[in-house]
């Protein structure tokens, strides 16, 4: 049974769920930015500047959000392993 994960612990990975979530989010956002780079090249090849601009905005948003996820991950990891320790600011 899967009742072992009900305590918000490490699950099957040996990593706290929130840590995994932040790493996974950053990874997928960066993968999205890389994929959209291909779309930018396609739009440029067709000479469609409107789509180039749209895809560039999309890539910038992915990159910005990935950077935010990395910042949150760094704070989360350096902030200790307990939820109640975030308020201490040590």
C-alpha atoms as a PDB file:
ATOM      1  CA  UNK A   1       0.000   0.000   0.000  1.00  0.00           C
ATOM      2  CA  UNK A   2       1.049   3.623  -0.480  1.00  0.00           C
ATOM      3  CA  UNK A   3       0.223   4.774   3.044  1.00  0.00           C
ATOM      4  CA  UNK A   4       3.960   5.179   3.722  1.00  0.00           C
ATOM      5  CA  UNK A   5       4.020   8.616   2.013  1.00  0.00           C
ATOM      6  CA  UNK A   6       1.272  10.158   4.144  1.00  0.00           C
ATOM      7  CA  UNK A   7       3.822  11.735   6.496  1.00  0.00           C
ATOM      8  CA  UNK A   8       5.282  13.975   3.714  1.00  0.00           C
ATOM      9  CA  UNK A   9       8.616  12.216   4.081  1.00  0.00           C
ATOM     10  CA  UNK A  10      11.133  10.987   1.568  1.00  0.00           C
ATOM     11  CA  UNK A  11       8.936   8.600  -0.389  1.00  0.00           C
ATOM     12  CA  UNK A  12      10.697   6.241  -2.785  1.00  0.00           C
ATOM     13  CA  UNK A  13      13.483   8.656  -3.812  1.00  0.00           C
ATOM     14  CA  UNK A  14      15.231   9.202  -0.486  1.00  0.00           C
ATOM     15  CA  UNK A  15      14.746  12.935  -1.054  1.00  0.00           C
ATOM     16  CA  UNK A  16      12.250  15.183   0.679  1.00  0.00           C
ATOM     17  CA  UNK A  17       9.285  15.762  -1.608  1.00  0.00           C
ATOM     18  CA  UNK A  18       9.605  19.563  -1.670  1.00  0.00           C
ATOM     19  CA  UNK A  19      13.303  19.322  -2.574  1.00  0.00           C
ATOM     20  CA  UNK A  20      12.503  16.983  -5.439  1.00  0.00           C
ATOM     21  CA  UNK A  21       9.631  19.242  -6.504  1.00  0.00           C
ATOM     22  CA  UNK A  22      11.875  22.307  -6.743  1.00  0.00           C
ATOM     23  CA  UNK A  23      14.598  20.427  -8.628  1.00  0.00           C
ATOM     24  CA  UNK A  24      12.075  18.917 -11.012  1.00  0.00           C
ATOM     25  CA  UNK A  25      10.384  22.260 -11.616  1.00  0.00           C
ATOM     26  CA  UNK A  26      13.681  23.998 -12.408  1.00  0.00           C
ATOM     27  CA  UNK A  27      14.675  21.154 -14.722  1.00  0.00           C
ATOM     28  CA  UNK A  28      11.414  21.167 -16.660  1.00  0.00           C
ATOM     29  CA  UNK A  29      11.410  24.949 -16.987  1.00  0.00           C
ATOM     30  CA  UNK A  30      14.935  24.882 -18.394  1.00  0.00           C
ATOM     31  CA  UNK A  31      13.954  22.073 -20.760  1.00  0.00           C
ATOM     32  CA  UNK A  32      11.023  24.224 -21.894  1.00  0.00           C
ATOM     33  CA  UNK A  33      13.329  27.170 -22.530  1.00  0.00           C
ATOM     34  CA  UNK A  34      15.628  24.947 -24.577  1.00  0.00           C
ATOM     35  CA  UNK A  35      12.715  23.614 -26.625  1.00  0.00           C
ATOM     36  CA  UNK A  36      11.345  27.094 -27.274  1.00  0.00           C
ATOM     37  CA  UNK A  37      14.777  28.068 -28.626  1.00  0.00           C
ATOM     38  CA  UNK A  38      14.059  25.664 -31.488  1.00  0.00           C
ATOM     39  CA  UNK A  39      10.727  27.374 -32.100  1.00  0.00           C
ATOM     40  CA  UNK A  40      12.466  30.746 -32.205  1.00  0.00           C
ATOM     41  CA  UNK A  41      14.821  29.419 -34.864  1.00  0.00           C
ATOM     42  CA  UNK A  42      11.873  28.057 -36.869  1.00  0.00           C
ATOM     43  CA  UNK A  43      10.037  31.376 -36.693  1.00  0.00           C
ATOM     44  CA  UNK A  44      13.182  33.262 -37.729  1.00  0.00           C
ATOM     45  CA  UNK A  45      13.671  30.907 -40.655  1.00  0.00           C
ATOM     46  CA  UNK A  46      10.137  31.711 -41.826  1.00  0.00           C
ATOM     47  CA  UNK A  47      10.668  35.423 -41.240  1.00  0.00           C
ATOM     48  CA  UNK A  48       7.765  35.650 -38.787  1.00  0.00           C
ATOM     49  CA  UNK A  49       8.882  38.311 -36.308  1.00  0.00           C
ATOM     50  CA  UNK A  50       5.608  38.193 -34.389  1.00  0.00           C
ATOM     51  CA  UNK A  51       6.208  34.539 -33.539  1.00  0.00           C
ATOM     52  CA  UNK A  52       9.888  35.198 -32.837  1.00  0.00           C
ATOM     53  CA  UNK A  53       8.821  37.789 -30.289  1.00  0.00           C
ATOM     54  CA  UNK A  54       6.173  35.519 -28.765  1.00  0.00           C
ATOM     55  CA  UNK A  55       8.545  32.575 -28.445  1.00  0.00           C
ATOM     56  CA  UNK A  56      11.290  34.809 -27.047  1.00  0.00           C
ATOM     57  CA  UNK A  57       8.885  36.122 -24.389  1.00  0.00           C
ATOM     58  CA  UNK A  58       7.951  32.526 -23.583  1.00  0.00           C
ATOM     59  CA  UNK A  59      11.608  31.505 -23.294  1.00  0.00           C
ATOM     60  CA  UNK A  60      12.346  34.505 -21.072  1.00  0.00           C
ATOM     61  CA  UNK A  61       9.460  33.556 -18.781  1.00  0.00           C
ATOM     62  CA  UNK A  62      10.635  29.945 -18.532  1.00  0.00           C
ATOM     63  CA  UNK A  63      14.156  31.147 -17.743  1.00  0.00           C
ATOM     64  CA  UNK A  64      12.941  33.656 -15.158  1.00  0.00           C
ATOM     65  CA  UNK A  65      10.830  31.050 -13.403  1.00  0.00           C
ATOM     66  CA  UNK A  66      13.672  28.498 -13.483  1.00  0.00           C
ATOM     67  CA  UNK A  67      15.954  31.044 -11.851  1.00  0.00           C
ATOM     68  CA  UNK A  68      13.320  31.628  -9.164  1.00  0.00           C
ATOM     69  CA  UNK A  69      13.035  27.879  -8.566  1.00  0.00           C
ATOM     70  CA  UNK A  70      16.822  27.660  -8.172  1.00  0.00           C
ATOM     71  CA  UNK A  71      16.791  30.523  -5.670  1.00  0.00           C
ATOM     72  CA  UNK A  72      14.009  28.882  -3.681  1.00  0.00           C
ATOM     73  CA  UNK A  73      15.864  25.574  -3.750  1.00  0.00           C
ATOM     74  CA  UNK A  74      19.044  27.190  -2.438  1.00  0.00           C
ATOM     75  CA  UNK A  75      17.115  28.878   0.386  1.00  0.00           C
ATOM     76  CA  UNK A  76      15.245  25.673   1.149  1.00  0.00           C
ATOM     77  CA  UNK A  77      18.397  23.553   1.327  1.00  0.00           C
ATOM     78  CA  UNK A  78      20.434  26.074   3.325  1.00  0.00           C
ATOM     79  CA  UNK A  79      17.518  26.889   5.612  1.00  0.00           C
ATOM     80  CA  UNK A  80      17.589  23.581   7.418  1.00  0.00           C
ATOM     81  CA  UNK A  81      15.551  20.449   7.144  1.00  0.00           C
ATOM     82  CA  UNK A  82      12.541  21.435   9.263  1.00  0.00           C
ATOM     83  CA  UNK A  83       9.516  23.474   8.224  1.00  0.00           C
ATOM     84  CA  UNK A  84       9.554  25.507  11.428  1.00  0.00           C
ATOM     85  CA  UNK A  85      13.134  26.721  10.930  1.00  0.00           C
ATOM     86  CA  UNK A  86      12.332  29.167   8.094  1.00  0.00           C
ATOM     87  CA  UNK A  87      11.268  31.927  10.486  1.00  0.00           C
ATOM     88  CA  UNK A  88      14.574  31.952  12.362  1.00  0.00           C
ATOM     89  CA  UNK A  89      16.552  33.478   9.469  1.00  0.00           C
ATOM     90  CA  UNK A  90      19.812  32.031  10.793  1.00  0.00           C
END
